[in-house]
Amino acid sequence: MASEALESLRRAVSQREVLLCLVEKGEPMSSQEIAKRLSMTVNAVNIALHNLHNKGLVERVARGVYRYRLGAILAPLLREYLERGR
C-alpha cells in the first residue's frame, strides 16, 4: 500500500509538491503557509492535503495544520525517489 501511495505521487503533482514542502520545512504547516510558499490556492492545497491524509502520508495536528508522517530517515529517501520522477 505504501508503495502504491508513493507511486501515485509521481502522477499527482500538487500532492507531491505539498508533501515535499512539508518535508523540507520539517515542522507542521498550515494550508495557508503551504499555499503561499508554493504559489497555489488554499483550496488546491486543502485538496492535496486531504488526498495525502487519505494515503496516510500526512497527519492533521490542528485545524488546518499538517505534518508529514514519515520518519526522519525516510524523508530524504522519499525526496530522492520523487525527484527521480520529475
N, C-alpha and C. Protein backbone atom coordinates (compact mmCIF):
# COMPACT_ATOMS: atom_id res chain seq x y z
N MET A 1 0.82 -1.19 0.00
CA MET A 1 0.00 0.00 0.00
C MET A 1 0.86 1.26 0.00
N ALA A 2 1.92 1.30 0.81
CA ALA A 2 2.77 2.49 0.86
C ALA A 2 3.42 2.73 -0.49
N SER A 3 3.86 1.66 -1.15
CA SER A 3 4.49 1.84 -2.46
C SER A 3 3.48 2.37 -3.48
N GLU A 4 2.22 1.93 -3.38
CA GLU A 4 1.18 2.45 -4.28
C GLU A 4 0.96 3.94 -4.03
N ALA A 5 0.94 4.34 -2.76
CA ALA A 5 0.75 5.76 -2.42
C ALA A 5 1.91 6.59 -2.96
N LEU A 6 3.12 6.09 -2.82
CA LEU A 6 4.28 6.83 -3.33
C LEU A 6 4.26 6.89 -4.85
N GLU A 7 3.91 5.80 -5.48
CA GLU A 7 3.86 5.79 -6.95
C GLU A 7 2.81 6.76 -7.46
N SER A 8 1.68 6.86 -6.77
CA SER A 8 0.64 7.78 -7.21
C SER A 8 1.10 9.23 -7.11
N LEU A 9 2.07 9.52 -6.23
CA LEU A 9 2.59 10.88 -6.10
C LEU A 9 3.36 11.32 -7.34
N ARG A 10 3.90 10.38 -8.07
CA ARG A 10 4.60 10.74 -9.31
C ARG A 10 3.64 11.37 -10.31
N ARG A 11 2.39 10.97 -10.26
CA ARG A 11 1.38 11.50 -11.19
C ARG A 11 0.62 12.69 -10.62
N ALA A 12 0.57 12.81 -9.31
CA ALA A 12 -0.19 13.87 -8.65
C ALA A 12 0.76 15.01 -8.26
N VAL A 13 0.96 15.93 -9.17
CA VAL A 13 1.94 16.99 -9.00
C VAL A 13 1.67 17.83 -7.75
N SER A 14 0.43 18.27 -7.56
CA SER A 14 0.15 19.13 -6.41
C SER A 14 0.37 18.39 -5.09
N GLN A 15 -0.01 17.13 -5.03
CA GLN A 15 0.22 16.36 -3.81
C GLN A 15 1.71 16.20 -3.55
N ARG A 16 2.46 15.91 -4.58
CA ARG A 16 3.91 15.75 -4.45
C ARG A 16 4.54 17.04 -3.94
N GLU A 17 4.15 18.18 -4.52
CA GLU A 17 4.73 19.46 -4.12
C GLU A 17 4.37 19.81 -2.68
N VAL A 18 3.13 19.54 -2.29
CA VAL A 18 2.71 19.83 -0.91
C VAL A 18 3.47 18.94 0.07
N LEU A 19 3.59 17.66 -0.23
CA LEU A 19 4.33 16.76 0.65
C LEU A 19 5.78 17.17 0.76
N LEU A 20 6.41 17.48 -0.37
CA LEU A 20 7.82 17.90 -0.33
C LEU A 20 7.99 19.20 0.44
N CYS A 21 7.03 20.09 0.35
CA CYS A 21 7.07 21.34 1.11
C CYS A 21 7.08 21.03 2.61
N LEU A 22 6.21 20.13 3.04
CA LEU A 22 6.17 19.75 4.45
C LEU A 22 7.46 19.06 4.88
N VAL A 23 8.00 18.21 4.03
CA VAL A 23 9.24 17.51 4.34
C VAL A 23 10.38 18.51 4.46
N GLU A 24 10.47 19.44 3.52
CA GLU A 24 11.55 20.42 3.53
C GLU A 24 11.47 21.33 4.74
N LYS A 25 10.27 21.75 5.13
CA LYS A 25 10.10 22.62 6.29
C LYS A 25 10.45 21.88 7.57
N GLY A 26 10.08 20.60 7.63
CA GLY A 26 10.43 19.78 8.78
C GLY A 26 9.58 20.01 10.02
N GLU A 27 8.55 20.80 9.89
CA GLU A 27 7.64 21.04 11.01
C GLU A 27 6.25 21.29 10.45
N PRO A 28 5.23 21.18 11.31
CA PRO A 28 3.86 21.37 10.82
C PRO A 28 3.66 22.74 10.16
N MET A 29 2.81 22.75 9.15
CA MET A 29 2.49 23.98 8.42
C MET A 29 0.99 24.06 8.20
N SER A 30 0.49 25.28 8.13
CA SER A 30 -0.92 25.48 7.80
C SER A 30 -1.09 25.43 6.29
N SER A 31 -2.31 25.18 5.87
CA SER A 31 -2.58 25.16 4.43
C SER A 31 -2.30 26.54 3.82
N GLN A 32 -2.51 27.60 4.57
CA GLN A 32 -2.23 28.95 4.08
C GLN A 32 -0.73 29.15 3.86
N GLU A 33 0.09 28.66 4.81
CA GLU A 33 1.54 28.77 4.66
C GLU A 33 2.03 28.00 3.44
N ILE A 34 1.50 26.80 3.27
CA ILE A 34 1.90 25.98 2.13
C ILE A 34 1.49 26.66 0.83
N ALA A 35 0.27 27.16 0.78
CA ALA A 35 -0.22 27.82 -0.43
C ALA A 35 0.66 29.00 -0.80
N LYS A 36 1.03 29.79 0.18
CA LYS A 36 1.89 30.95 -0.08
C LYS A 36 3.26 30.52 -0.59
N ARG A 37 3.85 29.52 0.06
CA ARG A 37 5.18 29.05 -0.31
C ARG A 37 5.20 28.46 -1.72
N LEU A 38 4.11 27.79 -2.11
CA LEU A 38 4.07 27.10 -3.41
C LEU A 38 3.34 27.90 -4.50
N SER A 39 2.85 29.07 -4.14
CA SER A 39 2.06 29.89 -5.08
C SER A 39 0.87 29.10 -5.62
N MET A 40 0.16 28.47 -4.71
CA MET A 40 -1.04 27.71 -5.04
C MET A 40 -2.21 28.32 -4.29
N THR A 41 -3.42 27.99 -4.70
CA THR A 41 -4.58 28.43 -3.94
C THR A 41 -4.71 27.57 -2.69
N VAL A 42 -5.32 28.13 -1.67
CA VAL A 42 -5.54 27.39 -0.43
C VAL A 42 -6.44 26.18 -0.72
N ASN A 43 -7.42 26.35 -1.60
CA ASN A 43 -8.30 25.25 -1.95
C ASN A 43 -7.52 24.09 -2.57
N ALA A 44 -6.61 24.39 -3.48
CA ALA A 44 -5.80 23.34 -4.11
C ALA A 44 -4.94 22.63 -3.07
N VAL A 45 -4.38 23.38 -2.14
CA VAL A 45 -3.56 22.79 -1.08
C VAL A 45 -4.43 21.91 -0.18
N ASN A 46 -5.62 22.38 0.16
CA ASN A 46 -6.51 21.58 1.01
C ASN A 46 -6.91 20.27 0.34
N ILE A 47 -7.14 20.31 -0.95
CA ILE A 47 -7.47 19.08 -1.68
C ILE A 47 -6.28 18.13 -1.65
N ALA A 48 -5.08 18.66 -1.90
CA ALA A 48 -3.87 17.83 -1.86
C ALA A 48 -3.66 17.24 -0.47
N LEU A 49 -3.84 18.06 0.56
CA LEU A 49 -3.68 17.57 1.93
C LEU A 49 -4.70 16.49 2.26
N HIS A 50 -5.92 16.67 1.81
CA HIS A 50 -6.97 15.66 2.03
C HIS A 50 -6.55 14.32 1.41
N ASN A 51 -6.08 14.37 0.16
CA ASN A 51 -5.66 13.15 -0.52
C ASN A 51 -4.43 12.53 0.15
N LEU A 52 -3.49 13.36 0.56
CA LEU A 52 -2.30 12.86 1.26
C LEU A 52 -2.68 12.24 2.60
N HIS A 53 -3.64 12.83 3.27
CA HIS A 53 -4.11 12.27 4.54
C HIS A 53 -4.75 10.91 4.31
N ASN A 54 -5.56 10.80 3.27
CA ASN A 54 -6.19 9.51 2.95
C ASN A 54 -5.16 8.44 2.61
N LYS A 55 -4.03 8.84 2.08
CA LYS A 55 -2.94 7.90 1.76
C LYS A 55 -2.06 7.60 2.97
N GLY A 56 -2.31 8.29 4.07
CA GLY A 56 -1.52 8.07 5.28
C GLY A 56 -0.17 8.75 5.26
N LEU A 57 0.01 9.74 4.39
CA LEU A 57 1.31 10.39 4.26
C LEU A 57 1.42 11.69 5.05
N VAL A 58 0.30 12.26 5.48
CA VAL A 58 0.32 13.43 6.36
C VAL A 58 -0.69 13.21 7.47
N GLU A 59 -0.50 13.93 8.56
CA GLU A 59 -1.47 13.88 9.64
C GLU A 59 -1.81 15.29 10.07
N ARG A 60 -3.03 15.44 10.51
CA ARG A 60 -3.51 16.74 10.97
C ARG A 60 -3.11 16.90 12.43
N VAL A 61 -2.45 18.00 12.75
CA VAL A 61 -2.03 18.24 14.13
C VAL A 61 -2.89 19.31 14.80
N ALA A 62 -3.58 20.09 14.01
CA ALA A 62 -4.52 21.10 14.49
C ALA A 62 -5.42 21.45 13.31
N ARG A 63 -6.40 22.27 13.54
CA ARG A 63 -7.29 22.64 12.44
C ARG A 63 -6.50 23.36 11.35
N GLY A 64 -6.45 22.73 10.17
CA GLY A 64 -5.76 23.32 9.03
C GLY A 64 -4.25 23.25 9.09
N VAL A 65 -3.69 22.50 10.05
CA VAL A 65 -2.24 22.39 10.20
C VAL A 65 -1.87 20.91 10.08
N TYR A 66 -0.88 20.64 9.22
CA TYR A 66 -0.49 19.26 8.93
C TYR A 66 1.02 19.09 9.02
N ARG A 67 1.44 17.84 9.18
CA ARG A 67 2.85 17.46 9.09
C ARG A 67 2.92 16.12 8.37
N TYR A 68 4.08 15.85 7.82
CA TYR A 68 4.24 14.58 7.12
C TYR A 68 4.37 13.46 8.14
N ARG A 69 4.03 12.25 7.73
CA ARG A 69 4.03 11.11 8.65
C ARG A 69 5.18 10.16 8.39
N LEU A 70 6.26 10.64 7.89
CA LEU A 70 7.41 9.79 7.61
C LEU A 70 8.48 10.03 8.66
N GLY A 71 9.21 9.01 8.98
CA GLY A 71 10.31 9.19 9.92
C GLY A 71 11.42 10.02 9.30
N ALA A 72 12.28 10.52 10.14
CA ALA A 72 13.38 11.37 9.67
C ALA A 72 14.29 10.63 8.68
N ILE A 73 14.38 9.35 8.80
CA ILE A 73 15.22 8.57 7.88
C ILE A 73 14.54 8.42 6.52
N LEU A 74 13.22 8.26 6.52
CA LEU A 74 12.50 8.05 5.26
C LEU A 74 12.32 9.32 4.44
N ALA A 75 12.32 10.48 5.07
CA ALA A 75 12.08 11.73 4.35
C ALA A 75 13.09 11.96 3.22
N PRO A 76 14.40 11.83 3.48
CA PRO A 76 15.36 12.02 2.38
C PRO A 76 15.20 10.98 1.27
N LEU A 77 14.85 9.76 1.65
CA LEU A 77 14.63 8.72 0.64
C LEU A 77 13.43 9.05 -0.23
N LEU A 78 12.37 9.55 0.39
CA LEU A 78 11.19 9.95 -0.37
C LEU A 78 11.54 11.09 -1.32
N ARG A 79 12.27 12.07 -0.85
CA ARG A 79 12.64 13.21 -1.68
C ARG A 79 13.42 12.72 -2.91
N GLU A 80 14.40 11.83 -2.70
CA GLU A 80 15.19 11.31 -3.81
C GLU A 80 14.31 10.52 -4.78
N TYR A 81 13.43 9.70 -4.26
CA TYR A 81 12.53 8.89 -5.08
C TYR A 81 11.65 9.77 -5.97
N LEU A 82 11.07 10.80 -5.36
CA LEU A 82 10.17 11.67 -6.11
C LEU A 82 10.91 12.55 -7.09
N GLU A 83 12.11 12.99 -6.74
CA GLU A 83 12.89 13.83 -7.64
C GLU A 83 13.27 13.06 -8.91
N ARG A 84 13.49 11.78 -8.80
CA ARG A 84 13.84 10.98 -9.98
C ARG A 84 12.68 10.94 -10.97
N GLY A 85 11.45 11.09 -10.47
CA GLY A 85 10.27 11.01 -11.32
C GLY A 85 9.90 12.31 -12.01
N ARG A 86 10.61 13.39 -11.72
CA ARG A 86 10.27 14.69 -12.29
C ARG A 86 10.70 14.80 -13.72
